Amino acid sequence: MNIGMILDMAASAGSRSVVTVGDRSLSAADLLDHARRAATRFGRYPAVLYLGANHLAYPVALFGAVLAGVPFVPLNYRLGAQQLDALLERHPGALVLRPDDLDALVAEHADRAEEMPTPWDGDAVAVIIYTSGTTSEPKAALLRHRHLMAYLLNTLEFAAAAETDAALVSVPPYHIAGLTNLLSNLYTGRRVVYLPAFDPARWLETVRRERITHAMLVPTMLARIVSGVDGDNAETPTLSGLAYGGSRTPRPVLERALRVFPDTGFVNAYGLTETASSVAVLGPEDHRVAIASDDPLVRDRLGSVGRALPGIEIQIRGETGEPVAVGETGLVFVRGDQISGEYGGRSVLDAEGWFPTRDLGRLDGDGYLFIEGRADDTIIRGGENIAPAEIEDVLLEYPGITEAAVIGVPDPEWGQRVVAVVVGAGPVEEIKQWVRDRLRSSKTPDAVVFRSELPKTETGKLLRRNLVTEMESTNA
């Protein structure tokens, strides 16, 4: 199957608007018509590269590429010229499309919107998304039609949304969440409202004006929204569902958000570009039960990413490659029909179809998955493996700290020493003692460095390598 069938199905299901940007909207029939016009041009090129923010041109370009049978490649328009040129060089002869090209593209082919046969090859490459490259150069993750369709068919129900449902999308189009938010909302029947550039006040205003019922945010966006709310109620009565994910969400931010949006069901979604969207979800009922529980094991589930979605298996493996016992930390592997695990034609799936996420995690007795950071981030101090996330969680409980990143820097005696880079204030020795009292001495930071902000990608992922380079150069 091909994701083009989603637009065909939506176009046959009704005439209401399915995507809105500012004062412009398109119905599914309009979107299909525009995509057909675009496809008459796109078929001449080996790929379509989209270079821009959220805009009506994005879904037109995506489905135009689908109908033309060529890969769609959304690029990070915020990259510097050198980085962007390097990505463009990977796609010689491709069409580069920007938002301003939309009207000219549709008008140019106004008399050529005839129905085109959709290429239904599910094994064809649908989308190429470049990973954010927080620890290395970006890799081209290939998502085939069958991966995206497996996610939609296994987890969602077609046209299940109410006619008044609307989803606000503020994540950028080059992120996997930007792609799957469009596909999943189109499939379920929600109108998609795009926010071209994120701003907390504008986000809240849009939720109220457009009567948004569902939204998805990365943790940095959520933190900025809740910090700007005056009092403990955001006054968004129509907002019934709020998903968050993409990186770790500090517990204080989540607990504050649950107070600010008291009538909203929260969903923590865990997934990677290579998994074609979420593979595990902590649902609204999980949040409600955890926040109200006196059982520390149940309450701790607020820090989990929930349980596997239908069609997904999760396995935790130790250093030998064998599965570990319940509760033990190891490398997270996932398997399922939606998993791609493919870079430029090279698959990293093992012989049994398992994908190595490179995340460290553990499963509790009820199948809740706890992500404890990237394997590449592990600090080895005196032969002991130390997960930064454990120390960061403790630091975030300190009253004066709002953000924290723990890294390892070279040390001639210990191999690596532990450095905490924090946003906030407090006496250094008091902060160290705070950690020492809650963890053991080997996990106490050797140094605490204060910053006004931490380096992050546009989607909120911490750029640890930037901090490591900085600390190495300053001998922190």
Protein backbone atom coordinates (compact mmCIF):
# COMPACT_ATOMS: atom_id res chain seq x y z
CA MET A 1 0.00 0.00 0.00
CA ASN A 2 0.97 3.59 -0.61
CA ILE A 3 0.36 6.68 1.56
CA GLY A 4 -1.36 8.26 -1.43
CA MET A 5 -4.42 6.18 -0.53
CA ILE A 6 -4.83 8.29 2.63
CA LEU A 7 -5.48 11.40 0.57
CA ASP A 8 -7.80 9.49 -1.79
CA MET A 9 -9.79 8.20 1.18
CA ALA A 10 -9.95 11.63 2.83
CA ALA A 11 -11.11 13.26 -0.42
CA SER A 12 -13.98 10.80 -0.65
CA ALA A 13 -15.00 11.25 2.98
CA GLY A 14 -16.18 14.86 2.88
CA SER A 15 -15.58 18.42 1.70
CA ARG A 16 -14.54 20.20 4.90
CA SER A 17 -11.10 21.77 5.35
CA VAL A 18 -8.30 19.38 6.23
CA VAL A 19 -5.35 21.79 6.46
CA THR A 20 -5.16 25.44 7.52
CA VAL A 21 -2.33 27.99 7.62
CA GLY A 22 -3.31 31.49 8.70
CA ASP A 23 -6.38 32.50 6.70
CA ARG A 24 -5.91 29.88 3.96
CA SER A 25 -7.38 26.39 4.00
CA LEU A 26 -7.62 23.39 1.69
CA SER A 27 -10.17 20.62 1.62
CA ALA A 28 -8.98 17.09 0.92
CA ALA A 29 -10.31 17.45 -2.63
CA ASP A 30 -8.38 20.72 -3.05
CA LEU A 31 -5.24 19.09 -1.69
CA LEU A 32 -5.62 16.15 -4.05
CA ASP A 33 -6.19 18.48 -7.00
CA HIS A 34 -3.10 20.55 -6.12
CA ALA A 35 -1.03 17.39 -5.61
CA ARG A 36 -2.04 16.09 -9.05
CA ARG A 37 -1.02 19.38 -10.65
CA ALA A 38 2.31 19.27 -8.84
CA ALA A 39 2.90 15.64 -9.81
CA THR A 40 2.83 16.52 -13.51
CA ARG A 41 6.02 18.45 -12.90
CA PHE A 42 7.59 16.35 -10.15
CA GLY A 43 7.76 13.25 -12.31
CA ARG A 44 10.68 14.76 -14.24
CA TYR A 45 12.93 14.72 -11.18
CA PRO A 46 14.57 11.95 -9.14
CA ALA A 47 13.33 13.50 -5.86
CA VAL A 48 11.49 16.52 -4.45
CA LEU A 49 13.30 18.50 -1.75
CA TYR A 50 11.15 20.74 0.44
CA LEU A 51 12.97 23.69 1.97
CA GLY A 52 10.75 25.75 4.22
CA ALA A 53 8.63 26.06 7.34
CA ASN A 54 5.09 24.76 7.90
CA HIS A 55 3.01 25.94 4.96
CA LEU A 56 0.26 24.72 2.62
CA ALA A 57 3.06 23.93 0.17
CA TYR A 58 4.29 21.14 2.45
CA PRO A 59 1.34 18.70 2.10
CA VAL A 60 1.01 19.61 -1.59
CA ALA A 61 4.68 18.81 -2.17
CA LEU A 62 4.51 15.60 -0.16
CA PHE A 63 1.50 14.15 -1.97
CA GLY A 64 2.64 15.53 -5.30
CA ALA A 65 5.85 13.53 -4.89
CA VAL A 66 3.82 10.47 -3.87
CA LEU A 67 1.63 10.70 -6.98
CA ALA A 68 4.70 11.21 -9.14
CA GLY A 69 6.36 8.16 -7.60
CA VAL A 70 9.49 9.99 -6.41
CA PRO A 71 10.93 10.36 -2.87
CA PHE A 72 10.00 13.41 -0.80
CA VAL A 73 12.85 14.95 1.21
CA PRO A 74 12.03 17.71 3.76
CA LEU A 75 15.23 19.56 4.67
CA ASN A 76 16.12 21.69 7.67
CA TYR A 77 15.85 25.20 6.27
CA ARG A 78 17.61 26.59 9.37
CA LEU A 79 20.93 24.95 8.51
CA GLY A 80 23.90 27.08 7.58
CA ALA A 81 24.79 27.43 3.90
CA GLN A 82 27.66 24.96 4.09
CA GLN A 83 25.60 22.27 5.85
CA LEU A 84 22.64 22.77 3.52
CA ASP A 85 24.81 22.64 0.41
CA ALA A 86 26.27 19.35 1.62
CA LEU A 87 22.76 17.86 1.84
CA LEU A 88 21.71 19.26 -1.53
CA GLU A 89 24.78 17.65 -3.11
CA ARG A 90 23.47 14.26 -1.99
CA HIS A 91 20.49 14.71 -4.34
CA PRO A 92 21.84 15.72 -7.75
CA GLY A 93 19.15 16.73 -10.20
CA ALA A 94 16.42 16.93 -7.55
CA LEU A 95 13.77 19.65 -7.53
CA VAL A 96 14.13 22.10 -4.65
CA LEU A 97 10.73 23.49 -3.65
CA ARG A 98 10.12 26.44 -1.33
CA PRO A 99 6.78 27.62 0.11
CA ASP A 100 6.60 30.64 -2.20
CA ASP A 101 6.61 28.27 -5.17
CA LEU A 102 3.16 26.88 -4.34
CA ASP A 103 0.89 29.34 -6.16
CA ALA A 104 3.08 29.45 -9.25
CA LEU A 105 3.32 25.68 -9.32
CA VAL A 106 -0.44 25.16 -9.15
CA ALA A 107 -1.20 27.96 -11.64
CA GLU A 108 1.44 26.72 -14.08
CA HIS A 109 -0.37 23.44 -14.45
CA ALA A 110 -3.94 24.68 -14.11
CA ASP A 111 -5.08 22.76 -17.14
CA ARG A 112 -3.26 19.54 -16.26
CA ALA A 113 -4.97 18.33 -13.11
CA GLU A 114 -6.26 15.17 -14.70
CA GLU A 115 -6.45 12.11 -12.48
CA MET A 116 -3.17 10.24 -12.42
CA PRO A 117 -2.68 6.57 -11.58
CA THR A 118 -1.21 6.29 -8.10
CA PRO A 119 1.92 4.11 -7.89
CA TRP A 120 0.87 1.65 -5.19
CA ASP A 121 4.24 -0.03 -4.63
CA GLY A 122 4.47 -0.25 -0.84
CA ASP A 123 8.16 -1.03 -0.99
CA ALA A 124 9.05 2.20 -2.79
CA VAL A 125 10.79 4.94 -0.83
CA ALA A 126 8.20 7.49 0.29
CA VAL A 127 10.23 9.92 2.38
CA ILE A 128 13.87 10.53 3.25
CA ILE A 129 14.43 12.33 6.54
CA TYR A 130 17.85 13.39 7.74
CA THR A 131 18.50 12.60 11.39
CA SER A 132 19.29 15.58 13.58
CA GLY A 133 22.93 14.64 13.92
CA THR A 134 23.31 15.44 17.64
CA THR A 135 26.29 13.08 17.96
CA SER A 136 27.44 12.71 14.32
CA GLU A 137 26.78 13.85 10.77
CA PRO A 138 23.12 13.60 9.67
CA LYS A 139 22.15 10.24 8.20
CA ALA A 140 19.51 9.78 5.50
CA ALA A 141 16.80 7.61 7.04
CA LEU A 142 14.65 5.94 4.38
CA LEU A 143 10.97 5.40 5.10
CA ARG A 144 9.10 3.22 2.62
CA HIS A 145 5.34 3.44 2.10
CA ARG A 146 4.80 0.13 3.91
CA HIS A 147 6.49 1.46 7.07
CA LEU A 148 4.25 4.52 7.28
CA MET A 149 1.12 2.58 6.39
CA ALA A 150 1.89 -0.06 9.04
CA TYR A 151 1.98 2.65 11.71
CA LEU A 152 -1.33 4.16 10.59
CA LEU A 153 -3.20 0.89 10.11
CA ASN A 154 -1.96 -0.69 13.35
CA THR A 155 -2.61 2.25 15.67
CA LEU A 156 -5.36 4.45 14.24
CA GLU A 157 -8.95 4.20 13.01
CA PHE A 158 -9.92 5.86 9.73
CA ALA A 159 -12.29 8.86 10.03
CA ALA A 160 -12.66 8.28 13.79
CA ALA A 161 -12.36 11.97 14.71
CA ALA A 162 -15.32 14.27 15.27
CA GLU A 163 -16.03 16.85 12.56
CA THR A 164 -15.00 19.64 14.94
CA ASP A 165 -11.63 18.08 15.81
CA ALA A 166 -8.56 20.11 14.90
CA ALA A 167 -4.87 19.39 15.52
CA LEU A 168 -2.27 22.13 15.96
CA VAL A 169 1.12 21.25 14.44
CA SER A 170 4.07 23.43 15.42
CA VAL A 171 6.93 20.93 15.03
CA PRO A 172 8.95 21.60 11.86
CA PRO A 173 8.26 19.67 8.65
CA TYR A 174 11.74 18.11 8.52
CA HIS A 175 11.05 16.25 11.79
CA ILE A 176 9.42 12.79 11.75
CA ALA A 177 6.63 14.18 13.94
CA GLY A 178 5.84 16.79 11.29
CA LEU A 179 5.30 14.06 8.72
CA THR A 180 3.32 11.64 10.87
CA ASN A 181 1.15 14.39 12.37
CA LEU A 182 -0.02 15.27 8.88
CA LEU A 183 -0.64 11.66 7.86
CA SER A 184 -2.31 10.53 11.10
CA ASN A 185 -4.62 13.53 11.36
CA LEU A 186 -5.59 13.31 7.70
CA TYR A 187 -6.28 9.58 8.21
CA THR A 188 -8.40 10.05 11.34
CA GLY A 189 -10.24 13.07 9.97
CA ARG A 190 -8.87 15.94 12.05
CA ARG A 191 -8.22 19.30 10.45
CA VAL A 192 -4.53 20.19 10.62
CA VAL A 193 -3.70 23.75 11.65
CA TYR A 194 -0.09 24.70 10.99
CA LEU A 195 1.88 27.18 13.08
CA PRO A 196 4.75 28.32 10.82
CA ALA A 197 6.96 29.46 13.71
CA PHE A 198 6.55 28.48 17.35
CA ASP A 199 5.83 31.17 19.92
CA PRO A 200 4.21 30.32 23.29
CA ALA A 201 1.72 33.20 23.29
CA ARG A 202 0.81 32.63 19.65
CA TRP A 203 0.40 28.90 20.30
CA LEU A 204 -2.10 29.53 23.10
CA GLU A 205 -3.93 32.15 21.03
CA THR A 206 -4.20 29.72 18.11
CA VAL A 207 -5.52 26.94 20.35
CA ARG A 208 -8.28 29.23 21.56
CA ARG A 209 -9.11 30.85 18.21
CA GLU A 210 -9.12 27.67 16.13
CA ARG A 211 -10.72 25.60 18.92
CA ILE A 212 -7.87 23.11 18.80
CA THR A 213 -8.63 19.70 20.27
CA HIS A 214 -5.23 18.00 19.86
CA ALA A 215 -1.62 19.15 19.71
CA MET A 216 1.92 17.83 19.84
CA LEU A 217 4.91 19.60 21.41
CA VAL A 218 8.56 18.91 22.06
CA PRO A 219 9.60 19.41 25.72
CA THR A 220 11.23 22.80 25.20
CA MET A 221 8.01 24.11 23.66
CA LEU A 222 5.96 22.70 26.53
CA ALA A 223 8.32 24.29 29.08
CA ARG A 224 8.04 27.71 27.44
CA ILE A 225 4.25 27.51 27.34
CA VAL A 226 3.74 26.53 30.97
CA SER A 227 6.27 29.07 32.23
CA GLY A 228 4.34 31.83 30.49
CA VAL A 229 0.91 30.90 31.84
CA ASP A 230 -0.30 33.26 34.54
CA GLY A 231 -1.73 31.07 37.28
CA ASP A 232 -2.51 27.39 37.09
CA ASN A 233 -4.94 27.24 34.17
CA ALA A 234 -4.12 27.87 30.51
CA GLU A 235 -7.84 28.33 29.73
CA THR A 236 -7.91 26.07 26.69
CA PRO A 237 -11.26 24.29 27.17
CA THR A 238 -11.32 22.61 23.75
CA LEU A 239 -7.86 21.01 24.12
CA SER A 240 -8.63 17.38 24.92
CA GLY A 241 -5.29 15.80 23.98
CA LEU A 242 -1.69 16.98 24.24
CA ALA A 243 1.19 14.78 23.08
CA TYR A 244 4.80 15.49 23.97
CA GLY A 245 8.05 13.78 23.02
CA GLY A 246 11.22 13.99 20.98
CA SER A 247 13.52 14.26 23.99
CA ARG A 248 13.41 13.91 27.78
CA THR A 249 10.82 16.00 29.57
CA PRO A 250 11.96 17.26 33.00
CA ARG A 251 9.62 16.03 35.72
CA PRO A 252 8.97 19.56 37.11
CA VAL A 253 7.89 20.73 33.63
CA LEU A 254 5.50 17.80 33.23
CA GLU A 255 3.96 18.19 36.68
CA ARG A 256 3.46 21.92 36.09
CA ALA A 257 1.91 21.19 32.66
CA LEU A 258 -0.55 18.75 34.21
CA ARG A 259 -1.73 21.56 36.50
CA VAL A 260 -1.83 24.18 33.73
CA PHE A 261 -3.93 21.93 31.46
CA PRO A 262 -6.15 20.21 34.06
CA ASP A 263 -8.77 18.92 31.63
CA THR A 264 -6.36 17.74 28.93
CA GLY A 265 -5.27 14.15 28.39
CA PHE A 266 -1.49 13.91 28.14
CA VAL A 267 0.37 11.45 25.91
CA ASN A 268 4.12 10.83 26.05
CA ALA A 269 5.16 9.40 22.68
CA TYR A 270 8.49 7.66 22.13
CA GLY A 271 9.79 6.98 18.67
CA LEU A 272 12.62 7.66 16.26
CA THR A 273 12.89 8.76 12.66
CA GLU A 274 13.89 5.21 11.76
CA THR A 275 10.75 3.76 13.39
CA ALA A 276 8.32 5.82 11.27
CA SER A 277 6.73 7.43 14.34
CA SER A 278 5.91 6.32 17.87
CA VAL A 279 6.64 2.81 19.11
CA ALA A 280 5.59 3.33 22.75
CA VAL A 281 3.04 5.60 24.40
CA LEU A 282 2.22 6.68 27.95
CA GLY A 283 -1.47 7.49 27.63
CA PRO A 284 -3.81 9.89 29.46
CA GLU A 285 -5.02 7.29 31.96
CA ASP A 286 -1.40 6.35 32.77
CA HIS A 287 -0.71 10.00 33.58
CA ARG A 288 -3.80 10.36 35.75
CA VAL A 289 -3.11 7.19 37.72
CA ALA A 290 0.57 7.99 38.21
CA ILE A 291 0.11 11.57 39.38
CA ALA A 292 -2.54 10.51 41.93
CA SER A 293 -0.76 7.42 43.25
CA ASP A 294 0.98 7.08 46.60
CA ASP A 295 2.87 4.05 45.30
CA PRO A 296 6.36 5.29 44.29
CA LEU A 297 6.65 2.60 41.59
CA VAL A 298 3.40 3.72 39.96
CA ARG A 299 4.23 7.42 40.35
CA ASP A 300 7.63 6.84 38.74
CA ARG A 301 5.82 5.88 35.54
CA LEU A 302 5.44 9.59 34.84
CA GLY A 303 9.10 9.32 33.89
CA SER A 304 8.47 6.46 31.47
CA VAL A 305 7.49 6.53 27.80
CA GLY A 306 4.72 4.00 28.35
CA ARG A 307 4.13 0.65 26.72
CA ALA A 308 4.60 -0.71 23.22
CA LEU A 309 2.00 0.16 20.59
CA PRO A 310 0.15 -2.60 18.71
CA GLY A 311 2.44 -4.39 16.30
CA ILE A 312 5.60 -3.37 18.19
CA GLU A 313 7.91 -5.54 20.29
CA ILE A 314 10.49 -4.09 22.69
CA GLN A 315 13.54 -5.92 23.98
CA ILE A 316 16.30 -4.80 26.37
CA ARG A 317 19.70 -6.37 25.73
CA GLY A 318 22.86 -6.46 27.78
CA GLU A 319 26.48 -6.17 26.66
CA THR A 320 26.49 -9.80 25.47
CA GLY A 321 23.53 -9.13 23.18
CA GLU A 322 21.19 -11.31 25.23
CA PRO A 323 17.94 -10.03 26.78
CA VAL A 324 18.27 -8.82 30.38
CA ALA A 325 15.93 -9.39 33.30
CA VAL A 326 12.98 -7.12 34.08
CA GLY A 327 14.18 -3.89 35.67
CA GLU A 328 17.74 -4.12 34.38
CA THR A 329 19.18 -1.43 32.14
CA GLY A 330 20.46 -2.23 28.67
CA LEU A 331 20.19 -1.27 25.02
CA VAL A 332 16.67 -0.82 23.64
CA PHE A 333 15.78 -2.86 20.54
CA VAL A 334 12.44 -2.61 18.73
CA ARG A 335 10.78 -4.72 16.06
CA GLY A 336 7.64 -4.36 13.93
CA ASP A 337 6.33 -3.75 10.43
CA GLN A 338 6.66 0.02 10.76
CA ILE A 339 10.39 -0.16 11.60
CA SER A 340 12.67 0.92 8.78
CA GLY A 341 16.17 0.99 10.23
CA GLU A 342 17.53 1.81 6.79
CA TYR A 343 20.02 4.48 5.76
CA GLY A 344 20.60 5.13 2.08
CA GLY A 345 19.80 1.55 1.15
CA ARG A 346 21.78 0.02 4.03
CA SER A 347 19.71 -1.76 6.69
CA VAL A 348 20.90 -1.96 10.30
CA LEU A 349 18.23 -4.48 11.33
CA ASP A 350 19.63 -7.72 12.69
CA ALA A 351 18.82 -11.14 11.23
CA GLU A 352 15.56 -11.30 13.24
CA GLY A 353 14.41 -7.81 12.27
CA TRP A 354 15.36 -6.00 15.49
CA PHE A 355 16.40 -2.34 15.27
CA PRO A 356 19.09 -1.03 17.67
CA THR A 357 17.81 2.34 18.88
CA ARG A 358 21.12 3.16 20.64
CA ASP A 359 19.01 4.26 23.59
CA LEU A 360 19.59 2.88 27.07
CA GLY A 361 16.47 1.79 28.88
CA ARG A 362 14.67 -0.70 31.08
CA LEU A 363 11.25 -2.35 31.25
CA ASP A 364 9.31 -2.74 34.47
CA GLY A 365 7.15 -5.74 35.32
CA ASP A 366 4.12 -4.28 33.55
CA GLY A 367 5.94 -3.47 30.33
CA TYR A 368 6.50 0.26 30.90
CA LEU A 369 9.64 1.47 29.13
CA PHE A 370 12.02 3.88 30.84
CA ILE A 371 14.55 5.62 28.58
CA GLU A 372 17.78 6.48 30.40
CA GLY A 373 19.69 8.28 27.67
CA ARG A 374 21.78 7.50 24.64
CA ALA A 375 24.37 4.74 24.82
CA ASP A 376 26.89 7.14 23.27
CA ASP A 377 26.39 9.52 26.22
CA THR A 378 27.48 7.00 28.86
CA ILE A 379 30.31 8.30 31.06
CA ILE A 380 33.00 5.79 32.04
CA ARG A 381 34.64 7.00 35.25
CA GLY A 382 37.20 4.72 36.85
CA GLY A 383 35.73 1.72 35.02
CA GLU A 384 32.16 2.48 36.19
CA ASN A 385 29.44 3.18 33.59
CA ILE A 386 27.43 6.24 34.56
CA ALA A 387 24.19 7.28 32.82
CA PRO A 388 23.93 11.09 32.65
CA ALA A 389 20.13 10.97 32.85
CA GLU A 390 20.19 9.62 36.41
CA ILE A 391 22.27 12.56 37.62
CA GLU A 392 20.30 15.07 35.54
CA ASP A 393 17.04 13.96 37.15
CA VAL A 394 18.49 14.59 40.60
CA LEU A 395 19.89 17.98 39.60
CA LEU A 396 16.47 19.04 38.28
CA GLU A 397 15.01 18.38 41.72
CA TYR A 398 17.33 21.04 43.18
CA PRO A 399 15.26 24.21 43.74
CA GLY A 400 17.54 26.56 41.85
CA ILE A 401 18.09 24.50 38.66
CA THR A 402 15.74 24.53 35.67
CA GLU A 403 17.85 22.65 33.09
CA ALA A 404 20.75 20.25 33.41
CA ALA A 405 23.15 18.34 31.17
CA VAL A 406 25.76 15.95 32.52
CA ILE A 407 28.74 15.05 30.36
CA GLY A 408 32.05 13.24 30.63
CA VAL A 409 35.31 14.98 29.81
CA PRO A 410 38.78 13.37 29.59
CA ASP A 411 40.67 12.92 32.85
CA PRO A 412 44.18 11.45 33.17
CA GLU A 413 43.40 9.65 36.42
CA TRP A 414 39.79 8.51 36.09
CA GLY A 415 39.46 8.25 32.30
CA GLN A 416 36.54 10.67 32.43
CA ARG A 417 35.26 13.06 35.04
CA VAL A 418 31.67 14.14 35.52
CA VAL A 419 30.74 17.72 34.63
CA ALA A 420 27.27 19.16 35.20
CA VAL A 421 26.26 22.08 33.00
CA VAL A 422 23.17 23.73 34.46
CA VAL A 423 20.78 26.61 33.92
CA GLY A 424 19.99 28.17 37.28
CA ALA A 425 21.80 29.17 40.43
CA GLY A 426 23.06 27.84 43.74
CA PRO A 427 26.28 27.27 45.69
CA VAL A 428 28.40 24.72 43.84
CA GLU A 429 29.25 22.67 46.93
CA GLU A 430 25.60 22.63 47.97
CA ILE A 431 24.60 21.32 44.54
CA LYS A 432 27.27 18.63 44.71
CA GLN A 433 26.11 17.60 48.17
CA TRP A 434 22.52 17.46 46.90
CA VAL A 435 23.58 14.85 44.35
CA ARG A 436 25.85 13.00 46.79
CA ASP A 437 23.02 12.63 49.30
CA ARG A 438 20.75 11.03 46.69
CA LEU A 439 23.26 9.04 44.66
CA ARG A 440 26.69 7.72 45.54
CA SER A 441 29.88 9.75 45.55
CA SER A 442 31.16 8.41 42.21
CA LYS A 443 28.13 10.00 40.53
CA THR A 444 28.64 13.38 42.15
CA PRO A 445 29.74 15.98 39.58
CA ASP A 446 33.41 16.88 39.76
CA ALA A 447 32.49 20.31 38.42
CA VAL A 448 29.32 22.39 38.06
CA VAL A 449 29.22 24.96 35.26
CA PHE A 450 26.45 27.57 34.97
CA ARG A 451 24.98 28.70 31.64
CA SER A 452 22.08 30.93 30.65
CA GLU A 453 20.90 28.24 28.21
CA LEU A 454 21.89 24.82 26.87
CA PRO A 455 22.67 24.20 23.20
CA LYS A 456 19.81 22.38 21.48
CA THR A 457 18.46 21.55 18.07
CA GLU A 458 15.34 23.33 16.82
CA THR A 459 13.28 20.38 18.06
CA GLY A 460 14.72 20.55 21.57
CA LYS A 461 17.34 17.79 21.52
CA LEU A 462 20.37 18.55 23.65
CA LEU A 463 23.59 18.98 21.68
CA ARG A 464 25.91 17.23 24.10
CA ARG A 465 28.81 17.18 21.68
CA ASN A 466 28.83 21.00 21.73
CA LEU A 467 29.13 20.99 25.51
CA VAL A 468 31.84 18.33 25.47
CA THR A 469 33.89 20.34 22.95
CA GLU A 470 33.45 23.51 25.00
CA MET A 471 34.39 21.87 28.29
CA GLU A 472 37.42 20.16 26.76
CA SER A 473 38.67 23.46 25.36
CA THR A 474 38.22 25.27 28.69
CA ASN A 475 39.44 22.37 30.87
CA ALA A 476 36.30 22.65 33.01
